[in-house]
Amino acid sequence: MRAAALRHRVALQSVGTSYDDYGDLSDSWSTDASVWASIHPVSGQETDIAGELAGVVTHKIKIRYKAGITPQSRITFDSRTFQIESVRNWQERNIYLELLCKEVTT
């Protein structure tokens, strides 16, 4: 993958649980890494290819390979948040990951 294609600086985040002041469990997100990525809206044609994710996926995000990224992770870019729906290891070669994501409001 060409470095110029990765022009967006994004944060990879994972969720953790902690107790709040009242003793209730609450989810909190922490940033694991900041990486360069390409972010592309999914077109209608690509939505058909995605199959069962057709109603969910709004963006395709590509990053260099990084172990440990799962659908329980999320990506933030500027003030936007993307929930990862699917992680694809391109040709299983550990070169880059293609993340099918849904943009969510927080």
N, C-alpha and C. Protein backbone atom coordinates (compact mmCIF):
# COMPACT_ATOMS: atom_id res chain seq x y z
N MET A 1 0.84 -1.17 0.00
CA MET A 1 0.00 0.00 0.00
C MET A 1 0.89 1.23 0.00
N ARG A 2 0.56 2.19 -0.84
CA ARG A 2 1.33 3.42 -0.90
C ARG A 2 1.07 4.28 0.33
N ALA A 3 2.12 4.86 0.84
CA ALA A 3 1.99 5.70 2.03
C ALA A 3 1.09 6.90 1.77
N ALA A 4 1.11 7.44 0.55
CA ALA A 4 0.28 8.61 0.23
C ALA A 4 -1.21 8.31 0.33
N ALA A 5 -1.58 7.05 0.19
CA ALA A 5 -3.00 6.68 0.29
C ALA A 5 -3.49 6.78 1.73
N LEU A 6 -2.59 6.70 2.68
CA LEU A 6 -2.95 6.77 4.10
C LEU A 6 -2.79 8.21 4.56
N ARG A 7 -3.82 9.02 4.38
CA ARG A 7 -3.69 10.44 4.65
C ARG A 7 -4.50 10.94 5.84
N HIS A 8 -5.22 10.04 6.50
CA HIS A 8 -6.02 10.43 7.67
C HIS A 8 -5.38 9.86 8.94
N ARG A 9 -5.18 10.68 9.94
CA ARG A 9 -4.64 10.21 11.22
C ARG A 9 -5.84 9.84 12.09
N VAL A 10 -5.95 8.56 12.45
CA VAL A 10 -7.08 8.07 13.23
C VAL A 10 -6.59 7.46 14.54
N ALA A 11 -7.51 7.33 15.48
CA ALA A 11 -7.19 6.70 16.77
C ALA A 11 -7.93 5.37 16.86
N LEU A 12 -7.20 4.33 17.21
CA LEU A 12 -7.80 3.01 17.46
C LEU A 12 -8.12 2.94 18.94
N GLN A 13 -9.36 2.61 19.26
CA GLN A 13 -9.78 2.60 20.65
C GLN A 13 -10.37 1.26 21.03
N SER A 14 -10.22 0.91 22.31
CA SER A 14 -10.83 -0.30 22.86
C SER A 14 -11.64 0.09 24.08
N VAL A 15 -12.62 -0.72 24.38
CA VAL A 15 -13.52 -0.42 25.50
C VAL A 15 -13.07 -1.16 26.75
N GLY A 16 -13.25 -0.50 27.85
CA GLY A 16 -12.98 -1.10 29.15
C GLY A 16 -14.13 -0.76 30.08
N THR A 17 -14.27 -1.51 31.14
CA THR A 17 -15.33 -1.21 32.10
C THR A 17 -14.70 -0.78 33.41
N SER A 18 -15.37 0.15 34.04
CA SER A 18 -14.91 0.63 35.34
C SER A 18 -16.13 1.00 36.17
N TYR A 19 -15.89 1.21 37.44
CA TYR A 19 -16.96 1.61 38.34
C TYR A 19 -16.99 3.13 38.44
N ASP A 20 -18.19 3.69 38.39
CA ASP A 20 -18.31 5.14 38.56
C ASP A 20 -18.42 5.47 40.05
N ASP A 21 -18.66 6.74 40.34
CA ASP A 21 -18.73 7.19 41.74
C ASP A 21 -19.84 6.54 42.55
N TYR A 22 -20.86 6.01 41.84
CA TYR A 22 -22.01 5.40 42.52
C TYR A 22 -21.90 3.87 42.59
N GLY A 23 -20.79 3.31 42.11
CA GLY A 23 -20.59 1.87 42.15
C GLY A 23 -21.19 1.12 40.98
N ASP A 24 -21.69 1.86 39.99
CA ASP A 24 -22.25 1.22 38.79
C ASP A 24 -21.14 1.00 37.76
N LEU A 25 -21.28 -0.09 36.99
CA LEU A 25 -20.33 -0.35 35.91
C LEU A 25 -20.62 0.59 34.75
N SER A 26 -19.58 1.13 34.16
CA SER A 26 -19.74 1.97 32.98
C SER A 26 -18.62 1.68 32.00
N ASP A 27 -18.93 1.82 30.72
CA ASP A 27 -17.93 1.60 29.67
C ASP A 27 -17.13 2.87 29.46
N SER A 28 -15.84 2.70 29.26
CA SER A 28 -14.98 3.84 28.94
C SER A 28 -14.04 3.42 27.82
N TRP A 29 -13.84 4.31 26.87
CA TRP A 29 -12.98 4.03 25.72
C TRP A 29 -11.61 4.62 25.94
N SER A 30 -10.58 3.85 25.59
CA SER A 30 -9.21 4.35 25.70
C SER A 30 -8.52 4.17 24.36
N THR A 31 -7.66 5.11 24.03
CA THR A 31 -6.92 5.07 22.76
C THR A 31 -5.73 4.14 22.91
N ASP A 32 -5.67 3.13 22.02
CA ASP A 32 -4.57 2.17 22.02
C ASP A 32 -3.42 2.64 21.13
N ALA A 33 -3.76 3.28 20.00
CA ALA A 33 -2.74 3.72 19.05
C ALA A 33 -3.32 4.76 18.11
N SER A 34 -2.43 5.58 17.58
CA SER A 34 -2.79 6.50 16.50
C SER A 34 -2.08 6.01 15.25
N VAL A 35 -2.82 5.83 14.18
CA VAL A 35 -2.25 5.28 12.94
C VAL A 35 -2.75 6.08 11.75
N TRP A 36 -2.05 5.92 10.61
CA TRP A 36 -2.48 6.54 9.37
C TRP A 36 -3.44 5.60 8.67
N ALA A 37 -4.47 6.17 8.02
CA ALA A 37 -5.51 5.36 7.39
C ALA A 37 -6.05 6.05 6.15
N SER A 38 -6.74 5.27 5.33
CA SER A 38 -7.55 5.83 4.26
C SER A 38 -9.00 5.55 4.62
N ILE A 39 -9.85 6.54 4.43
CA ILE A 39 -11.27 6.41 4.76
C ILE A 39 -12.08 6.66 3.50
N HIS A 40 -12.93 5.69 3.14
CA HIS A 40 -13.75 5.82 1.94
C HIS A 40 -15.19 5.47 2.26
N PRO A 41 -16.13 6.35 1.86
CA PRO A 41 -17.55 5.98 1.99
C PRO A 41 -17.83 4.77 1.09
N VAL A 42 -18.72 3.91 1.51
CA VAL A 42 -19.06 2.72 0.74
C VAL A 42 -20.14 3.10 -0.26
N SER A 43 -19.89 2.79 -1.53
CA SER A 43 -20.88 3.07 -2.58
C SER A 43 -21.96 2.00 -2.58
N GLY A 44 -23.01 2.23 -3.34
CA GLY A 44 -24.09 1.25 -3.44
C GLY A 44 -23.61 -0.08 -3.97
N GLN A 45 -22.70 -0.06 -4.95
CA GLN A 45 -22.17 -1.30 -5.51
C GLN A 45 -21.38 -2.08 -4.47
N GLU A 46 -20.54 -1.39 -3.68
CA GLU A 46 -19.77 -2.07 -2.64
C GLU A 46 -20.68 -2.60 -1.56
N THR A 47 -21.80 -1.93 -1.30
CA THR A 47 -22.75 -2.40 -0.30
C THR A 47 -23.31 -3.76 -0.71
N ASP A 48 -23.60 -3.94 -2.00
CA ASP A 48 -24.09 -5.23 -2.49
C ASP A 48 -23.05 -6.33 -2.30
N ILE A 49 -21.79 -6.00 -2.48
CA ILE A 49 -20.72 -6.98 -2.31
C ILE A 49 -20.61 -7.39 -0.85
N ALA A 50 -20.86 -6.46 0.06
CA ALA A 50 -20.72 -6.76 1.49
C ALA A 50 -21.75 -7.77 1.99
N GLY A 51 -22.79 -8.03 1.21
CA GLY A 51 -23.76 -9.06 1.57
C GLY A 51 -24.56 -8.71 2.79
N GLU A 52 -24.43 -9.52 3.85
CA GLU A 52 -25.26 -9.35 5.04
C GLU A 52 -24.99 -8.05 5.79
N LEU A 53 -23.90 -7.38 5.49
CA LEU A 53 -23.60 -6.12 6.16
C LEU A 53 -24.21 -4.93 5.42
N ALA A 54 -25.03 -5.20 4.38
CA ALA A 54 -25.52 -4.16 3.48
C ALA A 54 -26.19 -3.00 4.20
N GLY A 55 -26.96 -3.25 5.23
CA GLY A 55 -27.65 -2.18 5.91
C GLY A 55 -26.83 -1.51 6.99
N VAL A 56 -25.60 -1.98 7.20
CA VAL A 56 -24.83 -1.52 8.35
C VAL A 56 -23.59 -0.73 7.94
N VAL A 57 -22.82 -1.21 6.99
CA VAL A 57 -21.53 -0.64 6.66
C VAL A 57 -21.70 0.70 5.93
N THR A 58 -21.02 1.73 6.41
CA THR A 58 -21.07 3.04 5.76
C THR A 58 -19.71 3.47 5.22
N HIS A 59 -18.61 2.90 5.76
CA HIS A 59 -17.27 3.30 5.35
C HIS A 59 -16.32 2.10 5.34
N LYS A 60 -15.33 2.19 4.45
CA LYS A 60 -14.25 1.21 4.40
C LYS A 60 -12.98 1.96 4.80
N ILE A 61 -12.31 1.47 5.84
CA ILE A 61 -11.10 2.11 6.35
C ILE A 61 -9.95 1.11 6.21
N LYS A 62 -8.84 1.56 5.61
CA LYS A 62 -7.66 0.71 5.46
C LYS A 62 -6.53 1.27 6.30
N ILE A 63 -5.85 0.35 7.00
CA ILE A 63 -4.68 0.72 7.81
C ILE A 63 -3.60 -0.34 7.60
N ARG A 64 -2.38 -0.01 7.96
CA ARG A 64 -1.33 -1.03 7.96
C ARG A 64 -1.70 -2.08 9.00
N TYR A 65 -1.22 -3.30 8.79
CA TYR A 65 -1.57 -4.40 9.69
C TYR A 65 -1.19 -4.07 11.13
N LYS A 66 -2.12 -4.37 12.00
CA LYS A 66 -1.89 -4.24 13.45
C LYS A 66 -2.69 -5.36 14.12
N ALA A 67 -2.02 -6.16 14.91
CA ALA A 67 -2.68 -7.28 15.59
C ALA A 67 -3.62 -6.75 16.67
N GLY A 68 -4.67 -7.50 16.95
CA GLY A 68 -5.54 -7.21 18.07
C GLY A 68 -6.75 -6.35 17.76
N ILE A 69 -6.94 -5.96 16.51
CA ILE A 69 -8.11 -5.15 16.16
C ILE A 69 -9.28 -6.09 15.91
N THR A 70 -10.40 -5.84 16.59
CA THR A 70 -11.58 -6.70 16.50
C THR A 70 -12.83 -5.84 16.32
N PRO A 71 -13.97 -6.46 16.05
CA PRO A 71 -15.22 -5.69 15.97
C PRO A 71 -15.62 -5.05 17.31
N GLN A 72 -14.94 -5.37 18.39
CA GLN A 72 -15.22 -4.70 19.65
C GLN A 72 -14.46 -3.38 19.76
N SER A 73 -13.57 -3.11 18.81
CA SER A 73 -12.81 -1.87 18.78
C SER A 73 -13.58 -0.81 18.01
N ARG A 74 -13.08 0.42 18.04
CA ARG A 74 -13.67 1.48 17.24
C ARG A 74 -12.56 2.43 16.79
N ILE A 75 -12.92 3.29 15.85
CA ILE A 75 -11.98 4.26 15.30
C ILE A 75 -12.58 5.65 15.46
N THR A 76 -11.75 6.60 15.85
CA THR A 76 -12.20 7.99 15.87
C THR A 76 -11.32 8.78 14.92
N PHE A 77 -11.95 9.73 14.23
CA PHE A 77 -11.27 10.61 13.30
C PHE A 77 -11.91 11.99 13.43
N ASP A 78 -11.12 12.97 13.84
CA ASP A 78 -11.65 14.30 14.16
C ASP A 78 -12.78 14.13 15.17
N SER A 79 -13.97 14.57 14.85
CA SER A 79 -15.10 14.43 15.78
C SER A 79 -16.01 13.27 15.40
N ARG A 80 -15.56 12.41 14.49
CA ARG A 80 -16.37 11.29 14.01
C ARG A 80 -15.95 9.99 14.67
N THR A 81 -16.91 9.08 14.81
CA THR A 81 -16.66 7.77 15.42
C THR A 81 -17.16 6.68 14.47
N PHE A 82 -16.33 5.64 14.28
CA PHE A 82 -16.67 4.52 13.42
C PHE A 82 -16.60 3.23 14.22
N GLN A 83 -17.70 2.50 14.28
CA GLN A 83 -17.74 1.19 14.93
C GLN A 83 -17.30 0.15 13.91
N ILE A 84 -16.34 -0.69 14.25
CA ILE A 84 -15.83 -1.71 13.33
C ILE A 84 -16.81 -2.87 13.30
N GLU A 85 -17.28 -3.20 12.10
CA GLU A 85 -18.21 -4.32 11.92
C GLU A 85 -17.48 -5.58 11.46
N SER A 86 -16.41 -5.42 10.68
CA SER A 86 -15.68 -6.56 10.15
C SER A 86 -14.22 -6.18 9.92
N VAL A 87 -13.31 -7.12 10.19
CA VAL A 87 -11.88 -6.91 10.00
C VAL A 87 -11.40 -7.93 8.96
N ARG A 88 -10.79 -7.42 7.88
CA ARG A 88 -10.26 -8.31 6.84
C ARG A 88 -8.75 -8.13 6.75
N ASN A 89 -8.02 -9.21 6.90
CA ASN A 89 -6.57 -9.22 6.74
C ASN A 89 -6.29 -9.50 5.27
N TRP A 90 -5.89 -8.48 4.53
CA TRP A 90 -5.73 -8.57 3.08
C TRP A 90 -4.82 -9.73 2.70
N GLN A 91 -5.36 -10.66 1.95
CA GLN A 91 -4.68 -11.87 1.49
C GLN A 91 -3.99 -12.65 2.61
N GLU A 92 -4.41 -12.43 3.85
CA GLU A 92 -3.83 -13.11 5.01
C GLU A 92 -2.31 -12.96 5.04
N ARG A 93 -1.81 -11.79 4.58
CA ARG A 93 -0.37 -11.56 4.50
C ARG A 93 0.14 -10.61 5.58
N ASN A 94 -0.73 -10.14 6.46
CA ASN A 94 -0.34 -9.22 7.53
C ASN A 94 0.34 -7.96 6.99
N ILE A 95 -0.19 -7.45 5.86
CA ILE A 95 0.33 -6.22 5.27
C ILE A 95 -0.58 -5.05 5.64
N TYR A 96 -1.86 -5.20 5.36
CA TYR A 96 -2.81 -4.18 5.79
C TYR A 96 -4.15 -4.78 6.12
N LEU A 97 -4.95 -4.02 6.86
CA LEU A 97 -6.29 -4.45 7.25
C LEU A 97 -7.32 -3.57 6.56
N GLU A 98 -8.39 -4.20 6.14
CA GLU A 98 -9.53 -3.49 5.60
C GLU A 98 -10.65 -3.61 6.63
N LEU A 99 -11.07 -2.48 7.16
CA LEU A 99 -12.08 -2.45 8.22
C LEU A 99 -13.38 -1.94 7.66
N LEU A 100 -14.42 -2.76 7.71
CA LEU A 100 -15.75 -2.32 7.29
C LEU A 100 -16.42 -1.75 8.52
N CYS A 101 -16.82 -0.49 8.42
CA CYS A 101 -17.26 0.25 9.60
C CYS A 101 -18.62 0.91 9.40
N LYS A 102 -19.23 1.24 10.52
CA LYS A 102 -20.48 1.99 10.55
C LYS A 102 -20.20 3.27 11.32
N GLU A 103 -20.52 4.42 10.71
CA GLU A 103 -20.35 5.69 11.43
C GLU A 103 -21.47 5.83 12.43
N VAL A 104 -21.12 6.16 13.65
CA VAL A 104 -22.12 6.29 14.72
C VAL A 104 -22.04 7.67 15.33
N THR A 105 -23.12 8.09 15.95
CA THR A 105 -23.12 9.35 16.67
C THR A 105 -22.93 9.04 18.15
N THR A 106 -22.15 9.86 18.81
CA THR A 106 -21.89 9.61 20.24
C THR A 106 -22.53 10.67 21.10
